[in-house]
């Protein structure tokens, strides 16, 4: 696997792998400071109907990028060998856009609250996952590791109303 020098910018056409992972010229990039629901994860809309919130985040991100070049500033690497980076399109921070749209959560363990203000705005406005209920993606993954069932992990006692 090729490694990207963390000091240089990585830019170009991006493929959306999931809501918080892109690929540019064969390099997997994990968006810094946020976490989106997993592709198998279900959330509940304001009418309590389940929907694939992880797939929605990926589809909305792909539609927002709309084939435009993505510029990423690498910050580190994660345990899966992906480059962790802050990425933007036309100067718009993709992490901030996802959180503001209610498609991702600020992940304070990594972001140190960088997106907390826009997350509160999304919550107050009832955008995305904030319109109904959801399980934080990091709790969903922990549940999957323990139980292995997307259905049981998507909508449990950890759901945020």
Protein backbone atom coordinates (compact mmCIF):
# COMPACT_ATOMS: atom_id res chain seq x y z
CA UNK A 1 0.00 0.00 0.00
CA UNK A 2 1.34 3.41 -0.88
CA UNK A 3 1.65 5.97 1.87
CA UNK A 4 0.95 9.66 1.44
CA UNK A 5 3.41 12.11 2.89
CA UNK A 6 1.54 13.75 5.73
CA UNK A 7 3.10 17.11 4.96
CA UNK A 8 1.62 17.44 1.46
CA UNK A 9 -1.88 18.07 0.23
CA UNK A 10 -3.78 15.29 -1.51
CA UNK A 11 -6.30 16.46 -4.06
CA UNK A 12 -8.29 15.30 -7.06
CA UNK A 13 -11.46 13.47 -8.02
CA UNK A 14 -12.84 11.64 -5.02
CA UNK A 15 -14.93 8.51 -4.77
CA UNK A 16 -17.17 8.31 -1.72
CA UNK A 17 -16.58 5.01 0.09
CA UNK A 18 -18.93 5.83 2.96
CA UNK A 19 -20.08 8.95 4.78
CA UNK A 20 -16.69 9.70 6.30
CA UNK A 21 -14.29 7.93 3.93
CA UNK A 22 -13.14 9.02 0.48
CA UNK A 23 -10.70 7.64 -2.03
CA UNK A 24 -8.47 9.85 -4.16
CA UNK A 25 -6.11 8.20 -6.66
CA UNK A 26 -6.27 4.89 -4.79
CA UNK A 27 -5.62 6.45 -1.37
CA UNK A 28 -8.28 5.93 1.33
CA UNK A 29 -8.95 9.07 3.34
CA UNK A 30 -10.86 9.16 6.63
CA UNK A 31 -12.40 12.58 7.31
CA UNK A 32 -10.95 14.04 10.49
CA UNK A 33 -12.99 14.83 13.60
CA UNK A 34 -16.36 13.38 12.61
CA UNK A 35 -18.17 10.06 12.57
CA UNK A 36 -21.05 9.13 10.29
CA UNK A 37 -23.45 6.24 10.73
CA UNK A 38 -22.26 2.95 9.23
CA UNK A 39 -23.70 1.76 5.90
CA UNK A 40 -25.68 -1.01 7.67
CA UNK A 41 -26.95 1.33 10.37
CA UNK A 42 -30.60 2.27 10.68
CA UNK A 43 -31.87 5.49 12.23
CA UNK A 44 -35.45 6.55 12.77
CA UNK A 45 -36.93 9.55 10.97
CA UNK A 46 -39.26 12.05 12.64
CA UNK A 47 -42.17 9.72 11.76
CA UNK A 48 -40.35 6.83 13.57
CA UNK A 49 -39.80 4.93 10.32
CA UNK A 50 -36.34 3.34 9.98
CA UNK A 51 -34.02 4.48 7.21
CA UNK A 52 -30.44 3.70 6.25
CA UNK A 53 -28.80 6.77 7.73
CA UNK A 54 -25.26 5.62 6.84
CA UNK A 55 -26.21 5.17 3.20
CA UNK A 56 -27.96 8.55 3.26
CA UNK A 57 -24.79 10.24 4.56
CA UNK A 58 -22.69 8.66 1.79
CA UNK A 59 -25.21 9.54 -0.92
CA UNK A 60 -25.61 13.13 0.28
CA UNK A 61 -21.83 13.58 0.47
CA UNK A 62 -21.45 12.22 -3.07
CA UNK A 63 -24.17 14.59 -4.32
CA UNK A 64 -22.52 17.54 -2.54
CA UNK A 65 -19.09 16.80 -4.01
CA UNK A 66 -20.75 16.39 -7.42
CA UNK A 67 -17.53 15.43 -9.19
CA UNK A 68 -15.71 18.59 -8.10
CA UNK A 69 -12.06 18.26 -7.01
CA UNK A 70 -11.53 17.53 -3.31
CA UNK A 71 -8.51 18.96 -1.48
CA UNK A 72 -7.31 17.11 1.63
CA UNK A 73 -4.72 18.15 4.20
CA UNK A 74 -3.38 14.92 5.76
CA UNK A 75 -3.07 14.98 9.56
CA UNK A 76 -2.31 11.39 10.58
CA UNK A 77 -3.04 7.75 9.82
CA UNK A 78 -5.60 5.55 11.52
CA UNK A 79 -5.28 1.96 12.67
CA UNK A 80 -6.56 0.75 9.28
CA UNK A 81 -3.82 2.53 7.34
CA UNK A 82 -6.10 5.25 6.02
CA UNK A 83 -4.90 8.82 5.83
CA UNK A 84 -6.87 10.96 8.29
CA UNK A 85 -7.35 14.38 6.73
CA UNK A 86 -9.34 17.56 6.73
CA UNK A 87 -10.90 17.78 3.27
CA UNK A 88 -12.74 20.49 1.41
CA UNK A 89 -14.53 21.27 -1.84
CA UNK A 90 -14.31 24.88 -3.06
CA UNK A 91 -13.11 25.86 0.42
CA UNK A 92 -16.02 24.18 2.25
CA UNK A 93 -14.84 21.79 5.00
CA UNK A 94 -16.56 18.45 4.28
CA UNK A 95 -16.57 17.45 7.96
CA UNK A 96 -18.27 20.67 8.95
CA UNK A 97 -20.76 20.35 6.06
CA UNK A 98 -21.67 16.79 7.11
CA UNK A 99 -22.15 17.76 10.77
CA UNK A 100 -24.09 20.94 9.88
CA UNK A 101 -26.36 18.82 7.64
CA UNK A 102 -27.05 16.35 10.46
CA UNK A 103 -25.39 13.53 8.53
CA UNK A 104 -22.40 13.16 10.88
CA UNK A 105 -21.54 13.74 14.51
CA UNK A 106 -18.71 15.77 15.93
CA UNK A 107 -16.37 13.14 17.40
CA UNK A 108 -14.92 15.00 20.40
CA UNK A 109 -12.44 12.22 21.17
CA UNK A 110 -10.62 13.31 18.01
CA UNK A 111 -11.99 16.77 17.13
CA UNK A 112 -11.70 18.28 20.61
CA UNK A 113 -15.10 19.88 19.88
CA UNK A 114 -14.16 21.52 16.58
CA UNK A 115 -17.65 20.88 15.15
CA UNK A 116 -19.67 21.18 18.40
CA UNK A 117 -21.26 24.52 17.50
CA UNK A 118 -22.51 23.40 14.07
CA UNK A 119 -23.72 20.15 15.65
CA UNK A 120 -25.84 22.13 18.13
CA UNK A 121 -27.24 24.11 15.18
CA UNK A 122 -28.15 20.88 13.35
CA UNK A 123 -29.74 19.50 16.52
CA UNK A 124 -31.80 22.65 17.15
CA UNK A 125 -32.92 22.72 13.50
CA UNK A 126 -33.78 18.99 13.50
CA UNK A 127 -31.59 18.25 10.47
CA UNK A 128 -30.61 14.71 9.47
CA UNK A 129 -30.28 12.26 12.37
CA UNK A 130 -31.47 15.00 14.74
CA UNK A 131 -34.97 14.81 13.22
CA UNK A 132 -35.60 11.42 14.82
CA UNK A 133 -33.50 8.95 16.80
CA UNK A 134 -30.15 7.32 16.23
CA UNK A 135 -27.31 5.47 17.92
CA UNK A 136 -23.95 7.23 17.87
CA UNK A 137 -21.82 5.46 15.24
CA UNK A 138 -19.05 4.60 17.73
CA UNK A 139 -21.63 2.94 20.01
CA UNK A 140 -23.17 1.12 17.04
CA UNK A 141 -19.77 -0.34 16.09
CA UNK A 142 -19.11 -1.39 19.70
CA UNK A 143 -22.51 -3.10 19.80
CA UNK A 144 -21.78 -4.89 16.51
CA UNK A 145 -18.48 -6.18 17.91
CA UNK A 146 -20.32 -7.47 20.99
CA UNK A 147 -23.56 -8.74 19.40
CA UNK A 148 -23.01 -8.86 15.64
CA UNK A 149 -26.55 -7.80 14.72
CA UNK A 150 -27.15 -4.56 12.80
CA UNK A 151 -30.85 -4.66 13.68
CA UNK A 152 -30.31 -5.02 17.44
CA UNK A 153 -27.56 -2.39 17.42
CA UNK A 154 -29.29 0.25 15.32
CA UNK A 155 -32.17 0.94 17.66
CA UNK A 156 -31.46 0.14 21.29
CA UNK A 157 -31.27 1.76 24.70
CA UNK A 158 -28.36 3.89 23.39
CA UNK A 159 -30.59 5.63 20.82
CA UNK A 160 -30.74 9.41 21.07
CA UNK A 161 -34.33 10.63 20.95
